């Protein structure tokens, strides 16, 4: 029983930690997009990933949101 309680508490705090990371990743993407020299297709793809990540965050799917947002950042870094 003790192990189950520890597991549940750990999962709760891990979810909260991820939820706080999403907005900072969105802000990072927004800042990089302002200064990046990208072609139209690349910029629209990155904006689409950013919007998808923000939508997942708003739905409470924080782990998925972080994956999508980090993918957007990686593509943005590769294109810059």
PDB file of N, CA and C in Angstrom:
ATOM      1  N   UNK A   1       0.816  -1.187   0.000  1.00  0.00           N
ATOM      2  CA  UNK A   1       0.000   0.000   0.000  1.00  0.00           C
ATOM      3  C   UNK A   1       0.866   1.258   0.000  1.00  0.00           C
ATOM      4  N   UNK A   2       1.948   1.230   0.755  1.00  0.00           N
ATOM      5  CA  UNK A   2       2.845   2.371   0.837  1.00  0.00           C
ATOM      6  C   UNK A   2       3.465   2.654  -0.532  1.00  0.00           C
ATOM      7  N   UNK A   3       3.836   1.585  -1.248  1.00  0.00           N
ATOM      8  CA  UNK A   3       4.456   1.754  -2.558  1.00  0.00           C
ATOM      9  C   UNK A   3       3.477   2.359  -3.564  1.00  0.00           C
ATOM     10  N   UNK A   4       2.241   1.968  -3.476  1.00  0.00           N
ATOM     11  CA  UNK A   4       1.217   2.523  -4.354  1.00  0.00           C
ATOM     12  C   UNK A   4       1.039   4.014  -4.093  1.00  0.00           C
ATOM     13  N   UNK A   5       1.018   4.400  -2.850  1.00  0.00           N
ATOM     14  CA  UNK A   5       0.876   5.810  -2.494  1.00  0.00           C
ATOM     15  C   UNK A   5       2.070   6.615  -3.005  1.00  0.00           C
ATOM     16  N   UNK A   6       3.267   6.081  -2.864  1.00  0.00           N
ATOM     17  CA  UNK A   6       4.468   6.757  -3.342  1.00  0.00           C
ATOM     18  C   UNK A   6       4.428   6.896  -4.861  1.00  0.00           C
ATOM     19  N   UNK A   7       3.997   5.850  -5.537  1.00  0.00           N
ATOM     20  CA  UNK A   7       3.891   5.878  -6.985  1.00  0.00           C
ATOM     21  C   UNK A   7       2.892   6.932  -7.441  1.00  0.00           C
ATOM     22  N   UNK A   8       1.741   7.005  -6.794  1.00  0.00           N
ATOM     23  CA  UNK A   8       0.721   7.985  -7.168  1.00  0.00           C
ATOM     24  C   UNK A   8       1.195   9.420  -6.932  1.00  0.00           C
ATOM     25  N   UNK A   9       1.858   9.649  -5.826  1.00  0.00           N
ATOM     26  CA  UNK A   9       2.377  10.986  -5.534  1.00  0.00           C
ATOM     27  C   UNK A   9       3.442  11.368  -6.559  1.00  0.00           C
ATOM     28  N   UNK A  10       4.305  10.442  -6.911  1.00  0.00           N
ATOM     29  CA  UNK A  10       5.356  10.701  -7.896  1.00  0.00           C
ATOM     30  C   UNK A  10       4.748  11.039  -9.261  1.00  0.00           C
ATOM     31  N   UNK A  11       3.747  10.289  -9.658  1.00  0.00           N
ATOM     32  CA  UNK A  11       3.098  10.548 -10.941  1.00  0.00           C
ATOM     33  C   UNK A  11       2.402  11.911 -10.936  1.00  0.00           C
ATOM     34  N   UNK A  12       1.811  12.281  -9.822  1.00  0.00           N
ATOM     35  CA  UNK A  12       1.135  13.565  -9.714  1.00  0.00           C
ATOM     36  C   UNK A  12       2.119  14.716  -9.890  1.00  0.00           C
ATOM     37  N   UNK A  13       3.244  14.641  -9.213  1.00  0.00           N
ATOM     38  CA  UNK A  13       4.229  15.719  -9.305  1.00  0.00           C
ATOM     39  C   UNK A  13       4.917  15.744 -10.663  1.00  0.00           C
ATOM     40  N   UNK A  14       5.105  14.598 -11.281  1.00  0.00           N
ATOM     41  CA  UNK A  14       5.709  14.561 -12.617  1.00  0.00           C
ATOM     42  C   UNK A  14       4.785  15.241 -13.621  1.00  0.00           C
ATOM     43  N   UNK A  15       3.498  15.012 -13.520  1.00  0.00           N
ATOM     44  CA  UNK A  15       2.536  15.660 -14.407  1.00  0.00           C
ATOM     45  C   UNK A  15       2.528  17.160 -14.226  1.00  0.00           C
ATOM     46  N   UNK A  16       2.606  17.616 -13.003  1.00  0.00           N
ATOM     47  CA  UNK A  16       2.642  19.058 -12.738  1.00  0.00           C
ATOM     48  C   UNK A  16       3.921  19.698 -13.258  1.00  0.00           C
ATOM     49  N   UNK A  17       5.014  18.975 -13.179  1.00  0.00           N
ATOM     50  CA  UNK A  17       6.277  19.515 -13.677  1.00  0.00           C
ATOM     51  C   UNK A  17       6.219  19.693 -15.188  1.00  0.00           C
ATOM     52  N   UNK A  18       5.633  18.730 -15.884  1.00  0.00           N
ATOM     53  CA  UNK A  18       5.513  18.835 -17.330  1.00  0.00           C
ATOM     54  C   UNK A  18       4.557  19.951 -17.737  1.00  0.00           C
ATOM     55  N   UNK A  19       3.512  20.152 -16.966  1.00  0.00           N
ATOM     56  CA  UNK A  19       2.531  21.171 -17.332  1.00  0.00           C
ATOM     57  C   UNK A  19       3.138  22.570 -17.279  1.00  0.00           C
ATOM     58  N   UNK A  20       4.111  22.780 -16.412  1.00  0.00           N
ATOM     59  CA  UNK A  20       4.762  24.081 -16.319  1.00  0.00           C
ATOM     60  C   UNK A  20       5.784  24.303 -17.419  1.00  0.00           C
ATOM     61  N   UNK A  21       6.223  23.238 -18.042  1.00  0.00           N
ATOM     62  CA  UNK A  21       7.242  23.337 -19.079  1.00  0.00           C
ATOM     63  C   UNK A  21       6.637  23.771 -20.418  1.00  0.00           C
ATOM     64  N   UNK A  22       5.392  23.422 -20.672  1.00  0.00           N
ATOM     65  CA  UNK A  22       4.759  23.702 -21.964  1.00  0.00           C
ATOM     66  C   UNK A  22       4.741  25.195 -22.310  1.00  0.00           C
ATOM     67  N   UNK A  23       4.254  26.061 -21.433  1.00  0.00           N
ATOM     68  CA  UNK A  23       4.219  27.485 -21.788  1.00  0.00           C
ATOM     69  C   UNK A  23       5.599  28.078 -22.067  1.00  0.00           C
ATOM     70  N   UNK A  24       6.604  27.634 -21.353  1.00  0.00           N
ATOM     71  CA  UNK A  24       7.950  28.167 -21.607  1.00  0.00           C
ATOM     72  C   UNK A  24       8.470  27.698 -22.962  1.00  0.00           C
ATOM     73  N   UNK A  25       8.121  26.488 -23.374  1.00  0.00           N
ATOM     74  CA  UNK A  25       8.524  26.008 -24.695  1.00  0.00           C
ATOM     75  C   UNK A  25       7.802  26.784 -25.796  1.00  0.00           C
ATOM     76  N   UNK A  26       6.519  27.064 -25.584  1.00  0.00           N
ATOM     77  CA  UNK A  26       5.761  27.863 -26.554  1.00  0.00           C
ATOM     78  C   UNK A  26       6.397  29.243 -26.692  1.00  0.00           C
ATOM     79  N   UNK A  27       6.756  29.867 -25.580  1.00  0.00           N
ATOM     80  CA  UNK A  27       7.402  31.184 -25.616  1.00  0.00           C
ATOM     81  C   UNK A  27       8.752  31.133 -26.323  1.00  0.00           C
ATOM     82  N   UNK A  28       9.494  30.065 -26.083  1.00  0.00           N
ATOM     83  CA  UNK A  28      10.797  29.906 -26.746  1.00  0.00           C
ATOM     84  C   UNK A  28      10.614  29.821 -28.261  1.00  0.00           C
ATOM     85  N   UNK A  29       9.621  29.059 -28.696  1.00  0.00           N
ATOM     86  CA  UNK A  29       9.352  28.940 -30.136  1.00  0.00           C
ATOM     87  C   UNK A  29       8.959  30.292 -30.707  1.00  0.00           C
ATOM     88  N   UNK A  30       8.068  30.997 -30.019  1.00  0.00           N
ATOM     89  CA  UNK A  30       7.615  32.311 -30.496  1.00  0.00           C
ATOM     90  C   UNK A  30       8.784  33.285 -30.651  1.00  0.00           C
ATOM     91  N   UNK A  31       9.681  33.298 -29.679  1.00  0.00           N
ATOM     92  CA  UNK A  31      10.832  34.209 -29.736  1.00  0.00           C
ATOM     93  C   UNK A  31      11.762  33.849 -30.882  1.00  0.00           C
ATOM     94  N   UNK A  32      12.008  32.562 -31.070  1.00  0.00           N
ATOM     95  CA  UNK A  32      12.907  32.137 -32.147  1.00  0.00           C
ATOM     96  C   UNK A  32      12.284  32.389 -33.517  1.00  0.00           C
ATOM     97  N   UNK A  33      10.966  32.236 -33.620  1.00  0.00           N
ATOM     98  CA  UNK A  33      10.296  32.477 -34.895  1.00  0.00           C
ATOM     99  C   UNK A  33      10.416  33.936 -35.322  1.00  0.00           C
ATOM    100  N   UNK A  34      10.425  34.846 -34.359  1.00  0.00           N
ATOM    101  CA  UNK A  34      10.518  36.270 -34.683  1.00  0.00           C
ATOM    102  C   UNK A  34      11.847  36.635 -35.342  1.00  0.00           C
ATOM    103  N   UNK A  35      12.905  35.969 -34.939  1.00  0.00           N
ATOM    104  CA  UNK A  35      14.226  36.328 -35.453  1.00  0.00           C
ATOM    105  C   UNK A  35      14.750  35.357 -36.509  1.00  0.00           C
ATOM    106  N   UNK A  36      14.044  34.265 -36.756  1.00  0.00           N
ATOM    107  CA  UNK A  36      14.531  33.253 -37.694  1.00  0.00           C
ATOM    108  C   UNK A  36      14.264  33.663 -39.140  1.00  0.00           C
ATOM    109  N   UNK A  37      15.157  33.293 -40.010  1.00  0.00           N
ATOM    110  CA  UNK A  37      15.009  33.501 -41.457  1.00  0.00           C
ATOM    111  C   UNK A  37      14.576  32.161 -42.057  1.00  0.00           C
ATOM    112  N   UNK A  38      13.257  31.956 -42.189  1.00  0.00           N
ATOM    113  CA  UNK A  38      12.730  30.678 -42.652  1.00  0.00           C
ATOM    114  C   UNK A  38      11.921  30.860 -43.922  1.00  0.00           C
ATOM    115  N   UNK A  39      11.904  29.792 -44.759  1.00  0.00           N
ATOM    116  CA  UNK A  39      11.018  29.837 -45.917  1.00  0.00           C
ATOM    117  C   UNK A  39       9.583  29.573 -45.436  1.00  0.00           C
ATOM    118  N   UNK A  40       8.629  29.844 -46.287  1.00  0.00           N
ATOM    119  CA  UNK A  40       7.218  29.767 -45.906  1.00  0.00           C
ATOM    120  C   UNK A  40       6.772  28.397 -45.437  1.00  0.00           C
ATOM    121  N   UNK A  41       7.230  27.343 -46.114  1.00  0.00           N
ATOM    122  CA  UNK A  41       6.812  25.989 -45.742  1.00  0.00           C
ATOM    123  C   UNK A  41       7.342  25.590 -44.370  1.00  0.00           C
ATOM    124  N   UNK A  42       8.601  25.896 -44.122  1.00  0.00           N
ATOM    125  CA  UNK A  42       9.207  25.551 -42.836  1.00  0.00           C
ATOM    126  C   UNK A  42       8.542  26.324 -41.704  1.00  0.00           C
ATOM    127  N   UNK A  43       8.319  27.599 -41.917  1.00  0.00           N
ATOM    128  CA  UNK A  43       7.685  28.430 -40.891  1.00  0.00           C
ATOM    129  C   UNK A  43       6.277  27.943 -40.584  1.00  0.00           C
ATOM    130  N   UNK A  44       5.511  27.599 -41.613  1.00  0.00           N
ATOM    131  CA  UNK A  44       4.140  27.130 -41.368  1.00  0.00           C
ATOM    132  C   UNK A  44       4.130  25.782 -40.667  1.00  0.00           C
ATOM    133  N   UNK A  45       5.089  24.908 -40.988  1.00  0.00           N
ATOM    134  CA  UNK A  45       5.170  23.604 -40.326  1.00  0.00           C
ATOM    135  C   UNK A  45       5.491  23.774 -38.842  1.00  0.00           C
ATOM    136  N   UNK A  46       6.431  24.667 -38.535  1.00  0.00           N
ATOM    137  CA  UNK A  46       6.808  24.912 -37.143  1.00  0.00           C
ATOM    138  C   UNK A  46       5.650  25.550 -36.377  1.00  0.00           C
ATOM    139  N   UNK A  47       4.955  26.492 -37.008  1.00  0.00           N
ATOM    140  CA  UNK A  47       3.796  27.116 -36.357  1.00  0.00           C
ATOM    141  C   UNK A  47       2.681  26.100 -36.111  1.00  0.00           C
ATOM    142  N   UNK A  48       2.519  25.167 -37.054  1.00  0.00           N
ATOM    143  CA  UNK A  48       1.509  24.115 -36.888  1.00  0.00           C
ATOM    144  C   UNK A  48       1.851  23.216 -35.698  1.00  0.00           C
ATOM    145  N   UNK A  49       3.129  22.837 -35.576  1.00  0.00           N
ATOM    146  CA  UNK A  49       3.567  22.028 -34.435  1.00  0.00           C
ATOM    147  C   UNK A  49       3.393  22.797 -33.129  1.00  0.00           C
ATOM    148  N   UNK A  50       3.718  24.085 -33.158  1.00  0.00           N
ATOM    149  CA  UNK A  50       3.562  24.928 -31.963  1.00  0.00           C
ATOM    150  C   UNK A  50       2.111  24.984 -31.533  1.00  0.00           C
ATOM    151  N   UNK A  51       1.206  25.186 -32.497  1.00  0.00           N
ATOM    152  CA  UNK A  51      -0.223  25.251 -32.178  1.00  0.00           C
ATOM    153  C   UNK A  51      -0.750  23.912 -31.676  1.00  0.00           C
ATOM    154  N   UNK A  52      -0.254  22.829 -32.270  1.00  0.00           N
ATOM    155  CA  UNK A  52      -0.648  21.493 -31.819  1.00  0.00           C
ATOM    156  C   UNK A  52      -0.182  21.257 -30.388  1.00  0.00           C
ATOM    157  N   UNK A  53       1.046  21.650 -30.074  1.00  0.00           N
ATOM    158  CA  UNK A  53       1.574  21.495 -28.723  1.00  0.00           C
ATOM    159  C   UNK A  53       0.796  22.313 -27.708  1.00  0.00           C
ATOM    160  N   UNK A  54       0.433  23.530 -28.086  1.00  0.00           N
ATOM    161  CA  UNK A  54      -0.353  24.378 -27.191  1.00  0.00           C
ATOM    162  C   UNK A  54      -1.742  23.783 -26.964  1.00  0.00           C
ATOM    163  N   UNK A  55      -2.324  23.232 -28.013  1.00  0.00           N
ATOM    164  CA  UNK A  55      -3.639  22.598 -27.897  1.00  0.00           C
ATOM    165  C   UNK A  55      -3.581  21.383 -26.963  1.00  0.00           C
ATOM    166  N   UNK A  56      -2.546  20.572 -27.119  1.00  0.00           N
ATOM    167  CA  UNK A  56      -2.379  19.409 -26.235  1.00  0.00           C
ATOM    168  C   UNK A  56      -2.214  19.854 -24.789  1.00  0.00           C
ATOM    169  N   UNK A  57      -1.469  20.923 -24.577  1.00  0.00           N
ATOM    170  CA  UNK A  57      -1.289  21.469 -23.225  1.00  0.00           C
ATOM    171  C   UNK A  57      -2.643  21.870 -22.643  1.00  0.00           C
ATOM    172  N   UNK A  58      -3.446  22.561 -23.448  1.00  0.00           N
ATOM    173  CA  UNK A  58      -4.756  23.011 -22.971  1.00  0.00           C
ATOM    174  C   UNK A  58      -5.700  21.850 -22.682  1.00  0.00           C
ATOM    175  N   UNK A  59      -5.468  20.713 -23.335  1.00  0.00           N
ATOM    176  CA  UNK A  59      -6.269  19.512 -23.094  1.00  0.00           C
ATOM    177  C   UNK A  59      -5.764  18.716 -21.893  1.00  0.00           C
ATOM    178  N   UNK A  60      -4.645  19.130 -21.320  1.00  0.00           N
ATOM    179  CA  UNK A  60      -4.082  18.432 -20.168  1.00  0.00           C
ATOM    180  C   UNK A  60      -3.146  17.296 -20.543  1.00  0.00           C
ATOM    181  N   UNK A  61      -2.787  17.191 -21.811  1.00  0.00           N
ATOM    182  CA  UNK A  61      -1.892  16.134 -22.290  1.00  0.00           C
ATOM    183  C   UNK A  61      -0.474  16.692 -22.356  1.00  0.00           C
ATOM    184  N   UNK A  62       0.107  16.879 -21.192  1.00  0.00           N
ATOM    185  CA  UNK A  62       1.362  17.615 -21.093  1.00  0.00           C
ATOM    186  C   UNK A  62       2.562  16.856 -21.642  1.00  0.00           C
ATOM    187  N   UNK A  63       2.626  15.566 -21.435  1.00  0.00           N
ATOM    188  CA  UNK A  63       3.765  14.803 -21.948  1.00  0.00           C
ATOM    189  C   UNK A  63       3.778  14.833 -23.473  1.00  0.00           C
ATOM    190  N   UNK A  64       2.606  14.673 -24.086  1.00  0.00           N
ATOM    191  CA  UNK A  64       2.514  14.740 -25.542  1.00  0.00           C
ATOM    192  C   UNK A  64       2.841  16.145 -26.037  1.00  0.00           C
ATOM    193  N   UNK A  65       2.383  17.145 -25.306  1.00  0.00           N
ATOM    194  CA  UNK A  65       2.640  18.530 -25.664  1.00  0.00           C
ATOM    195  C   UNK A  65       4.131  18.821 -25.677  1.00  0.00           C
ATOM    196  N   UNK A  66       4.835  18.370 -24.662  1.00  0.00           N
ATOM    197  CA  UNK A  66       6.281  18.601 -24.577  1.00  0.00           C
ATOM    198  C   UNK A  66       6.990  17.942 -25.759  1.00  0.00           C
ATOM    199  N   UNK A  67       6.583  16.730 -26.135  1.00  0.00           N
ATOM    200  CA  UNK A  67       7.199  16.045 -27.274  1.00  0.00           C
ATOM    201  C   UNK A  67       7.026  16.852 -28.556  1.00  0.00           C
ATOM    202  N   UNK A  68       5.810  17.324 -28.798  1.00  0.00           N
ATOM    203  CA  UNK A  68       5.533  18.074 -30.020  1.00  0.00           C
ATOM    204  C   UNK A  68       6.277  19.403 -30.017  1.00  0.00           C
ATOM    205  N   UNK A  69       6.275  20.090 -28.887  1.00  0.00           N
ATOM    206  CA  UNK A  69       6.953  21.385 -28.809  1.00  0.00           C
ATOM    207  C   UNK A  69       8.460  21.239 -28.968  1.00  0.00           C
ATOM    208  N   UNK A  70       9.045  20.202 -28.407  1.00  0.00           N
ATOM    209  CA  UNK A  70      10.489  19.978 -28.568  1.00  0.00           C
ATOM    210  C   UNK A  70      10.826  19.625 -30.016  1.00  0.00           C
ATOM    211  N   UNK A  71       9.914  18.915 -30.666  1.00  0.00           N
ATOM    212  CA  UNK A  71      10.106  18.613 -32.085  1.00  0.00           C
ATOM    213  C   UNK A  71      10.118  19.911 -32.899  1.00  0.00           C
ATOM    214  N   UNK A  72       9.204  20.817 -32.567  1.00  0.00           N
ATOM    215  CA  UNK A  72       9.157  22.107 -33.252  1.00  0.00           C
ATOM    216  C   UNK A  72      10.461  22.882 -33.028  1.00  0.00           C
ATOM    217  N   UNK A  73      10.959  22.869 -31.812  1.00  0.00           N
ATOM    218  CA  UNK A  73      12.209  23.572 -31.497  1.00  0.00           C
ATOM    219  C   UNK A  73      13.370  22.942 -32.257  1.00  0.00           C
ATOM    220  N   UNK A  74      13.423  21.620 -32.320  1.00  0.00           N
ATOM    221  CA  UNK A  74      14.503  20.948 -33.058  1.00  0.00           C
ATOM    222  C   UNK A  74      14.465  21.304 -34.539  1.00  0.00           C
ATOM    223  N   UNK A  75      13.272  21.330 -35.123  1.00  0.00           N
ATOM    224  CA  UNK A  75      13.154  21.689 -36.528  1.00  0.00           C
ATOM    225  C   UNK A  75      13.519  23.162 -36.750  1.00  0.00           C
ATOM    226  N   UNK A  76      13.148  23.994 -35.808  1.00  0.00           N
ATOM    227  CA  UNK A  76      13.476  25.417 -35.900  1.00  0.00           C
ATOM    228  C   UNK A  76      14.988  25.623 -35.813  1.00  0.00           C
ATOM    229  N   UNK A  77      15.630  24.916 -34.905  1.00  0.00           N
ATOM    230  CA  UNK A  77      17.091  25.015 -34.775  1.00  0.00           C
ATOM    231  C   UNK A  77      17.793  24.492 -36.016  1.00  0.00           C
ATOM    232  N   UNK A  78      17.272  23.422 -36.588  1.00  0.00           N
ATOM    233  CA  UNK A  78      17.898  22.840 -37.771  1.00  0.00           C
ATOM    234  C   UNK A  78      17.759  23.749 -38.993  1.00  0.00           C
ATOM    235  N   UNK A  79      16.640  24.474 -39.057  1.00  0.00           N
ATOM    236  CA  UNK A  79      16.388  25.351 -40.201  1.00  0.00           C
ATOM    237  C   UNK A  79      17.104  26.699 -40.085  1.00  0.00           C
ATOM    238  N   UNK A  80      17.484  27.075 -38.889  1.00  0.00           N
ATOM    239  CA  UNK A  80      18.111  28.395 -38.692  1.00  0.00           C
ATOM    240  C   UNK A  80      19.571  28.398 -39.041  1.00  0.00           C
TER     241      UNK A  80
END
